[in-house]
Amino acid sequence: MCSDCGEFLAQGDQVTLITTQNAVKPAAHPNLTIQIIENVQDLLETMQSLVKTHDVLIHSMAVSDYTPIYMTGFEQITASQDLTEFLNKTNDQGKISSKDEYQVLFSQANSKNYQPSTKNGIPISV
């Protein structure tokens, strides 16, 4: 949760909190805007937009190094002749099957190729 939000709000500052749907959020306040994101790409796009309109940005969200792309049963993996076949697959069902004793998760590295922006000559990490 935004531990400093209350202090900034009490001073009359406008605060934008970028968070996830399931995160604990501060109480509603007239100067508080909450933007919900779902993934790293959402975070990047939201921060790129906000850096243009905000005087100060505090980034305290841990960004995942990997995004899950496909999960399958261990038996499917051992039967495969080429593990790369799983790199372009996605799970279509809303729930992963619980019939397999073991599951294997394929993940893809998230891009960390961004350049820090500046506002008024001050480096801002997005």
N, C-alpha and C. Protein backbone atom coordinates (compact mmCIF):
# COMPACT_ATOMS: atom_id res chain seq x y z
N MET A 1 0.84 -1.18 0.00
CA MET A 1 0.00 0.00 0.00
C MET A 1 0.89 1.25 0.00
N CYS A 2 0.34 2.33 -0.38
CA CYS A 2 1.07 3.60 -0.45
C CYS A 2 1.20 4.17 0.96
N SER A 3 2.34 3.93 1.60
CA SER A 3 2.51 4.35 2.99
C SER A 3 2.59 5.86 3.15
N ASP A 4 3.05 6.56 2.12
CA ASP A 4 3.16 8.02 2.20
C ASP A 4 1.94 8.74 1.65
N CYS A 5 0.98 8.02 1.09
CA CYS A 5 -0.19 8.67 0.48
C CYS A 5 -0.91 9.58 1.46
N GLY A 6 -1.12 9.09 2.67
CA GLY A 6 -1.84 9.87 3.69
C GLY A 6 -1.18 11.19 3.97
N GLU A 7 0.14 11.18 4.08
CA GLU A 7 0.88 12.41 4.35
C GLU A 7 0.75 13.40 3.20
N PHE A 8 0.90 12.92 1.98
CA PHE A 8 0.75 13.80 0.82
C PHE A 8 -0.67 14.33 0.70
N LEU A 9 -1.65 13.47 0.92
CA LEU A 9 -3.05 13.89 0.84
C LEU A 9 -3.36 14.93 1.91
N ALA A 10 -2.83 14.74 3.12
CA ALA A 10 -3.07 15.69 4.22
C ALA A 10 -2.51 17.07 3.89
N GLN A 11 -1.45 17.13 3.08
CA GLN A 11 -0.85 18.40 2.66
C GLN A 11 -1.62 19.04 1.52
N GLY A 12 -2.62 18.32 0.97
CA GLY A 12 -3.39 18.85 -0.13
C GLY A 12 -2.84 18.49 -1.50
N ASP A 13 -1.85 17.59 -1.53
CA ASP A 13 -1.28 17.18 -2.81
C ASP A 13 -2.24 16.26 -3.56
N GLN A 14 -2.16 16.32 -4.89
CA GLN A 14 -2.88 15.37 -5.74
C GLN A 14 -2.03 14.10 -5.82
N VAL A 15 -2.62 12.95 -5.55
CA VAL A 15 -1.88 11.69 -5.54
C VAL A 15 -2.53 10.73 -6.52
N THR A 16 -1.70 10.11 -7.36
CA THR A 16 -2.15 9.04 -8.25
C THR A 16 -1.47 7.77 -7.79
N LEU A 17 -2.26 6.78 -7.44
CA LEU A 17 -1.73 5.50 -7.00
C LEU A 17 -1.95 4.47 -8.10
N ILE A 18 -0.86 3.88 -8.56
CA ILE A 18 -0.92 2.81 -9.55
C ILE A 18 -0.80 1.50 -8.79
N THR A 19 -1.79 0.64 -8.94
CA THR A 19 -1.80 -0.58 -8.15
C THR A 19 -2.56 -1.68 -8.89
N THR A 20 -2.65 -2.82 -8.27
CA THR A 20 -3.37 -3.94 -8.86
C THR A 20 -4.73 -4.09 -8.21
N GLN A 21 -5.60 -4.84 -8.85
CA GLN A 21 -6.96 -5.02 -8.37
C GLN A 21 -7.00 -5.59 -6.95
N ASN A 22 -6.11 -6.53 -6.65
CA ASN A 22 -6.16 -7.22 -5.36
C ASN A 22 -5.34 -6.56 -4.26
N ALA A 23 -4.63 -5.49 -4.57
CA ALA A 23 -3.79 -4.83 -3.58
C ALA A 23 -4.65 -4.09 -2.55
N VAL A 24 -4.10 -3.94 -1.34
CA VAL A 24 -4.75 -3.13 -0.31
C VAL A 24 -4.62 -1.68 -0.73
N LYS A 25 -5.72 -0.95 -0.65
CA LYS A 25 -5.72 0.43 -1.12
C LYS A 25 -6.11 1.36 0.03
N PRO A 26 -5.64 2.60 -0.01
CA PRO A 26 -6.03 3.57 1.01
C PRO A 26 -7.50 3.95 0.86
N ALA A 27 -8.04 4.56 1.90
CA ALA A 27 -9.42 5.03 1.86
C ALA A 27 -9.58 6.08 0.76
N ALA A 28 -10.79 6.17 0.24
CA ALA A 28 -11.09 7.15 -0.81
C ALA A 28 -10.81 8.56 -0.28
N HIS A 29 -10.35 9.42 -1.18
CA HIS A 29 -10.04 10.81 -0.83
C HIS A 29 -10.23 11.63 -2.09
N PRO A 30 -10.72 12.87 -1.96
CA PRO A 30 -10.96 13.68 -3.16
C PRO A 30 -9.70 13.96 -3.99
N ASN A 31 -8.53 13.94 -3.36
CA ASN A 31 -7.28 14.21 -4.08
C ASN A 31 -6.56 12.93 -4.51
N LEU A 32 -7.22 11.77 -4.35
CA LEU A 32 -6.59 10.50 -4.68
C LEU A 32 -7.22 9.90 -5.93
N THR A 33 -6.37 9.60 -6.90
CA THR A 33 -6.78 8.88 -8.10
C THR A 33 -6.11 7.52 -8.08
N ILE A 34 -6.88 6.47 -8.27
CA ILE A 34 -6.32 5.12 -8.30
C ILE A 34 -6.43 4.58 -9.72
N GLN A 35 -5.29 4.13 -10.25
CA GLN A 35 -5.27 3.51 -11.57
C GLN A 35 -4.88 2.05 -11.40
N ILE A 36 -5.74 1.17 -11.89
CA ILE A 36 -5.53 -0.27 -11.77
C ILE A 36 -4.76 -0.78 -12.99
N ILE A 37 -3.72 -1.57 -12.73
CA ILE A 37 -2.98 -2.21 -13.80
C ILE A 37 -3.03 -3.72 -13.59
N GLU A 38 -2.77 -4.46 -14.67
CA GLU A 38 -2.80 -5.92 -14.59
C GLU A 38 -1.46 -6.57 -14.85
N ASN A 39 -0.54 -5.87 -15.53
CA ASN A 39 0.71 -6.51 -15.89
C ASN A 39 1.81 -5.46 -16.09
N VAL A 40 3.00 -5.94 -16.41
CA VAL A 40 4.15 -5.06 -16.57
C VAL A 40 3.95 -4.06 -17.71
N GLN A 41 3.35 -4.51 -18.79
CA GLN A 41 3.11 -3.60 -19.92
C GLN A 41 2.17 -2.47 -19.50
N ASP A 42 1.13 -2.79 -18.73
CA ASP A 42 0.23 -1.75 -18.22
C ASP A 42 1.00 -0.74 -17.36
N LEU A 43 1.90 -1.26 -16.50
CA LEU A 43 2.69 -0.38 -15.64
C LEU A 43 3.54 0.56 -16.48
N LEU A 44 4.23 0.02 -17.46
CA LEU A 44 5.09 0.83 -18.31
C LEU A 44 4.29 1.91 -19.04
N GLU A 45 3.17 1.54 -19.64
CA GLU A 45 2.35 2.50 -20.37
C GLU A 45 1.78 3.57 -19.44
N THR A 46 1.34 3.15 -18.27
CA THR A 46 0.77 4.11 -17.31
C THR A 46 1.83 5.09 -16.83
N MET A 47 3.01 4.57 -16.49
CA MET A 47 4.08 5.45 -16.02
C MET A 47 4.53 6.41 -17.11
N GLN A 48 4.63 5.93 -18.35
CA GLN A 48 5.03 6.80 -19.45
C GLN A 48 4.04 7.94 -19.63
N SER A 49 2.77 7.66 -19.42
CA SER A 49 1.74 8.69 -19.53
C SER A 49 1.83 9.68 -18.37
N LEU A 50 1.99 9.16 -17.15
CA LEU A 50 1.97 10.02 -15.96
C LEU A 50 3.22 10.89 -15.83
N VAL A 51 4.34 10.43 -16.35
CA VAL A 51 5.57 11.22 -16.22
C VAL A 51 5.43 12.58 -16.90
N LYS A 52 4.53 12.68 -17.84
CA LYS A 52 4.31 13.93 -18.56
C LYS A 52 3.44 14.92 -17.77
N THR A 53 2.70 14.43 -16.79
CA THR A 53 1.72 15.29 -16.11
C THR A 53 1.94 15.43 -14.61
N HIS A 54 2.93 14.73 -14.06
CA HIS A 54 3.15 14.77 -12.62
C HIS A 54 4.51 15.40 -12.30
N ASP A 55 4.57 16.13 -11.21
CA ASP A 55 5.82 16.74 -10.77
C ASP A 55 6.74 15.74 -10.08
N VAL A 56 6.15 14.77 -9.37
CA VAL A 56 6.92 13.78 -8.62
C VAL A 56 6.30 12.41 -8.85
N LEU A 57 7.16 11.41 -9.10
CA LEU A 57 6.71 10.02 -9.20
C LEU A 57 7.54 9.19 -8.24
N ILE A 58 6.88 8.39 -7.43
CA ILE A 58 7.57 7.48 -6.53
C ILE A 58 7.19 6.07 -6.97
N HIS A 59 8.18 5.32 -7.39
CA HIS A 59 7.93 3.96 -7.88
C HIS A 59 8.38 2.98 -6.82
N SER A 60 7.44 2.30 -6.20
CA SER A 60 7.82 1.32 -5.17
C SER A 60 7.24 -0.06 -5.46
N MET A 61 6.74 -0.25 -6.66
CA MET A 61 6.14 -1.53 -7.03
C MET A 61 7.22 -2.46 -7.56
N ALA A 62 7.25 -3.67 -7.05
CA ALA A 62 8.19 -4.67 -7.56
C ALA A 62 7.66 -5.17 -8.90
N VAL A 63 8.46 -5.02 -9.93
CA VAL A 63 8.06 -5.44 -11.26
C VAL A 63 8.60 -6.84 -11.50
N SER A 64 7.74 -7.71 -11.94
CA SER A 64 8.14 -9.09 -12.18
C SER A 64 9.15 -9.19 -13.31
N ASP A 65 10.12 -10.07 -13.13
CA ASP A 65 11.11 -10.30 -14.19
C ASP A 65 10.55 -11.16 -15.31
N TYR A 66 9.52 -11.95 -15.01
CA TYR A 66 8.96 -12.88 -15.99
C TYR A 66 7.44 -12.81 -16.00
N THR A 67 6.86 -13.11 -17.17
CA THR A 67 5.42 -13.22 -17.33
C THR A 67 5.10 -14.67 -17.71
N PRO A 68 4.17 -15.31 -16.98
CA PRO A 68 3.80 -16.67 -17.35
C PRO A 68 3.15 -16.69 -18.74
N ILE A 69 3.54 -17.68 -19.57
CA ILE A 69 2.93 -17.76 -20.89
C ILE A 69 2.16 -19.05 -21.10
N TYR A 70 2.61 -20.15 -20.46
CA TYR A 70 1.92 -21.41 -20.68
C TYR A 70 2.23 -22.38 -19.54
N MET A 71 1.20 -23.09 -19.10
CA MET A 71 1.37 -24.11 -18.07
C MET A 71 0.74 -25.39 -18.56
N THR A 72 1.45 -26.50 -18.35
CA THR A 72 0.96 -27.79 -18.81
C THR A 72 1.42 -28.89 -17.87
N GLY A 73 0.84 -30.05 -18.03
CA GLY A 73 1.20 -31.19 -17.20
C GLY A 73 2.58 -31.73 -17.53
N PHE A 74 3.23 -32.29 -16.52
CA PHE A 74 4.58 -32.83 -16.68
C PHE A 74 4.62 -33.95 -17.73
N GLU A 75 3.56 -34.73 -17.80
CA GLU A 75 3.52 -35.83 -18.78
C GLU A 75 3.59 -35.32 -20.21
N GLN A 76 2.95 -34.17 -20.50
CA GLN A 76 3.04 -33.59 -21.84
C GLN A 76 4.47 -33.16 -22.16
N ILE A 77 5.16 -32.68 -21.15
CA ILE A 77 6.54 -32.24 -21.34
C ILE A 77 7.44 -33.43 -21.65
N THR A 78 7.30 -34.49 -20.87
CA THR A 78 8.17 -35.66 -21.08
C THR A 78 7.87 -36.36 -22.41
N ALA A 79 6.66 -36.21 -22.93
CA ALA A 79 6.30 -36.84 -24.21
C ALA A 79 6.77 -36.02 -25.41
N SER A 80 7.16 -34.79 -25.18
CA SER A 80 7.55 -33.91 -26.29
C SER A 80 8.96 -34.23 -26.79
N GLN A 81 9.11 -34.13 -28.10
CA GLN A 81 10.42 -34.28 -28.74
C GLN A 81 11.13 -32.93 -28.86
N ASP A 82 10.35 -31.84 -28.73
CA ASP A 82 10.90 -30.49 -28.91
C ASP A 82 10.20 -29.54 -27.94
N LEU A 83 10.88 -29.17 -26.88
CA LEU A 83 10.27 -28.30 -25.86
C LEU A 83 9.92 -26.91 -26.39
N THR A 84 10.51 -26.48 -27.48
CA THR A 84 10.19 -25.16 -28.02
C THR A 84 8.74 -25.09 -28.51
N GLU A 85 8.11 -26.25 -28.73
CA GLU A 85 6.70 -26.23 -29.16
C GLU A 85 5.80 -25.56 -28.13
N PHE A 86 6.23 -25.52 -26.88
CA PHE A 86 5.41 -24.94 -25.82
C PHE A 86 5.56 -23.42 -25.71
N LEU A 87 6.55 -22.85 -26.38
CA LEU A 87 6.82 -21.42 -26.24
C LEU A 87 5.80 -20.53 -26.92
N ASN A 88 5.07 -21.06 -27.88
CA ASN A 88 4.06 -20.27 -28.58
C ASN A 88 2.64 -20.66 -28.20
N LYS A 89 2.49 -21.50 -27.20
CA LYS A 89 1.17 -21.91 -26.75
C LYS A 89 0.68 -20.99 -25.64
N THR A 90 -0.62 -20.91 -25.49
CA THR A 90 -1.22 -20.19 -24.38
C THR A 90 -2.33 -21.05 -23.78
N ASN A 91 -2.63 -20.80 -22.53
CA ASN A 91 -3.73 -21.51 -21.88
C ASN A 91 -5.02 -20.77 -22.17
N ASP A 92 -5.99 -21.47 -22.74
CA ASP A 92 -7.27 -20.86 -23.08
C ASP A 92 -8.30 -20.99 -21.97
N GLN A 93 -8.19 -22.04 -21.18
CA GLN A 93 -9.17 -22.26 -20.13
C GLN A 93 -8.94 -21.28 -18.98
N GLY A 94 -10.00 -20.96 -18.25
CA GLY A 94 -9.91 -20.02 -17.13
C GLY A 94 -9.19 -20.61 -15.94
N LYS A 95 -9.20 -21.94 -15.79
CA LYS A 95 -8.57 -22.61 -14.67
C LYS A 95 -7.65 -23.69 -15.21
N ILE A 96 -6.47 -23.78 -14.64
CA ILE A 96 -5.53 -24.83 -15.04
C ILE A 96 -6.03 -26.15 -14.48
N SER A 97 -5.97 -27.18 -15.28
CA SER A 97 -6.44 -28.51 -14.88
C SER A 97 -5.70 -29.01 -13.64
N SER A 98 -6.44 -29.61 -12.74
CA SER A 98 -5.83 -30.17 -11.53
C SER A 98 -5.66 -31.69 -11.64
N LYS A 99 -5.85 -32.25 -12.84
CA LYS A 99 -5.74 -33.69 -13.01
C LYS A 99 -4.29 -34.17 -12.98
N ASP A 100 -3.34 -33.29 -13.35
CA ASP A 100 -1.93 -33.67 -13.35
C ASP A 100 -1.32 -33.49 -11.97
N GLU A 101 -0.46 -34.43 -11.58
CA GLU A 101 0.20 -34.32 -10.28
C GLU A 101 1.23 -33.19 -10.28
N TYR A 102 1.89 -33.00 -11.43
CA TYR A 102 2.90 -31.95 -11.56
C TYR A 102 2.55 -31.06 -12.75
N GLN A 103 2.80 -29.75 -12.59
CA GLN A 103 2.61 -28.79 -13.66
C GLN A 103 3.94 -28.11 -13.97
N VAL A 104 4.14 -27.76 -15.22
CA VAL A 104 5.34 -27.05 -15.65
C VAL A 104 4.91 -25.70 -16.21
N LEU A 105 5.55 -24.66 -15.72
CA LEU A 105 5.21 -23.30 -16.13
C LEU A 105 6.30 -22.75 -17.04
N PHE A 106 5.90 -22.27 -18.21
CA PHE A 106 6.81 -21.58 -19.13
C PHE A 106 6.59 -20.08 -18.94
N SER A 107 7.69 -19.36 -18.77
CA SER A 107 7.63 -17.91 -18.57
C SER A 107 8.54 -17.22 -19.56
N GLN A 108 8.20 -15.96 -19.85
CA GLN A 108 9.01 -15.16 -20.77
C GLN A 108 9.54 -13.95 -20.01
N ALA A 109 10.80 -13.63 -20.24
CA ALA A 109 11.41 -12.47 -19.58
C ALA A 109 10.72 -11.19 -20.02
N ASN A 110 10.46 -10.32 -19.05
CA ASN A 110 9.89 -9.00 -19.34
C ASN A 110 11.01 -8.05 -19.74
N SER A 111 10.70 -7.15 -20.64
CA SER A 111 11.68 -6.18 -21.12
C SER A 111 12.05 -5.23 -20.00
N LYS A 112 13.32 -5.00 -19.85
CA LYS A 112 13.82 -4.00 -18.90
C LYS A 112 14.56 -2.91 -19.65
N ASN A 113 14.28 -2.83 -20.96
CA ASN A 113 14.98 -1.88 -21.82
C ASN A 113 14.25 -0.55 -21.86
N TYR A 114 14.29 0.17 -20.77
CA TYR A 114 13.71 1.50 -20.79
C TYR A 114 14.74 2.48 -20.28
N GLN A 115 14.60 3.70 -20.72
CA GLN A 115 15.53 4.74 -20.32
C GLN A 115 14.85 5.63 -19.29
N PRO A 116 15.54 5.96 -18.21
CA PRO A 116 14.93 6.87 -17.24
C PRO A 116 14.56 8.19 -17.90
N SER A 117 13.41 8.69 -17.55
CA SER A 117 12.98 9.99 -18.06
C SER A 117 13.38 11.06 -17.06
N THR A 118 13.30 12.30 -17.51
CA THR A 118 13.58 13.41 -16.61
C THR A 118 12.44 14.40 -16.70
N LYS A 119 12.22 15.11 -15.61
CA LYS A 119 11.28 16.22 -15.59
C LYS A 119 11.96 17.35 -14.83
N ASN A 120 12.04 18.50 -15.45
CA ASN A 120 12.73 19.65 -14.88
C ASN A 120 14.16 19.30 -14.50
N GLY A 121 14.80 18.43 -15.32
CA GLY A 121 16.19 18.08 -15.09
C GLY A 121 16.43 17.04 -14.01
N ILE A 122 15.34 16.51 -13.41
CA ILE A 122 15.48 15.52 -12.34
C ILE A 122 15.19 14.15 -12.92
N PRO A 123 16.12 13.17 -12.72
CA PRO A 123 15.86 11.81 -13.23
C PRO A 123 14.63 11.20 -12.58
N ILE A 124 13.81 10.57 -13.39
CA ILE A 124 12.59 9.92 -12.91
C ILE A 124 12.61 8.49 -13.44
N SER A 125 12.52 7.53 -12.55
CA SER A 125 12.51 6.13 -12.96
C SER A 125 11.10 5.70 -13.29
N VAL A 126 10.90 5.15 -14.48
CA VAL A 126 9.59 4.60 -14.85
C VAL A 126 9.74 3.15 -15.21
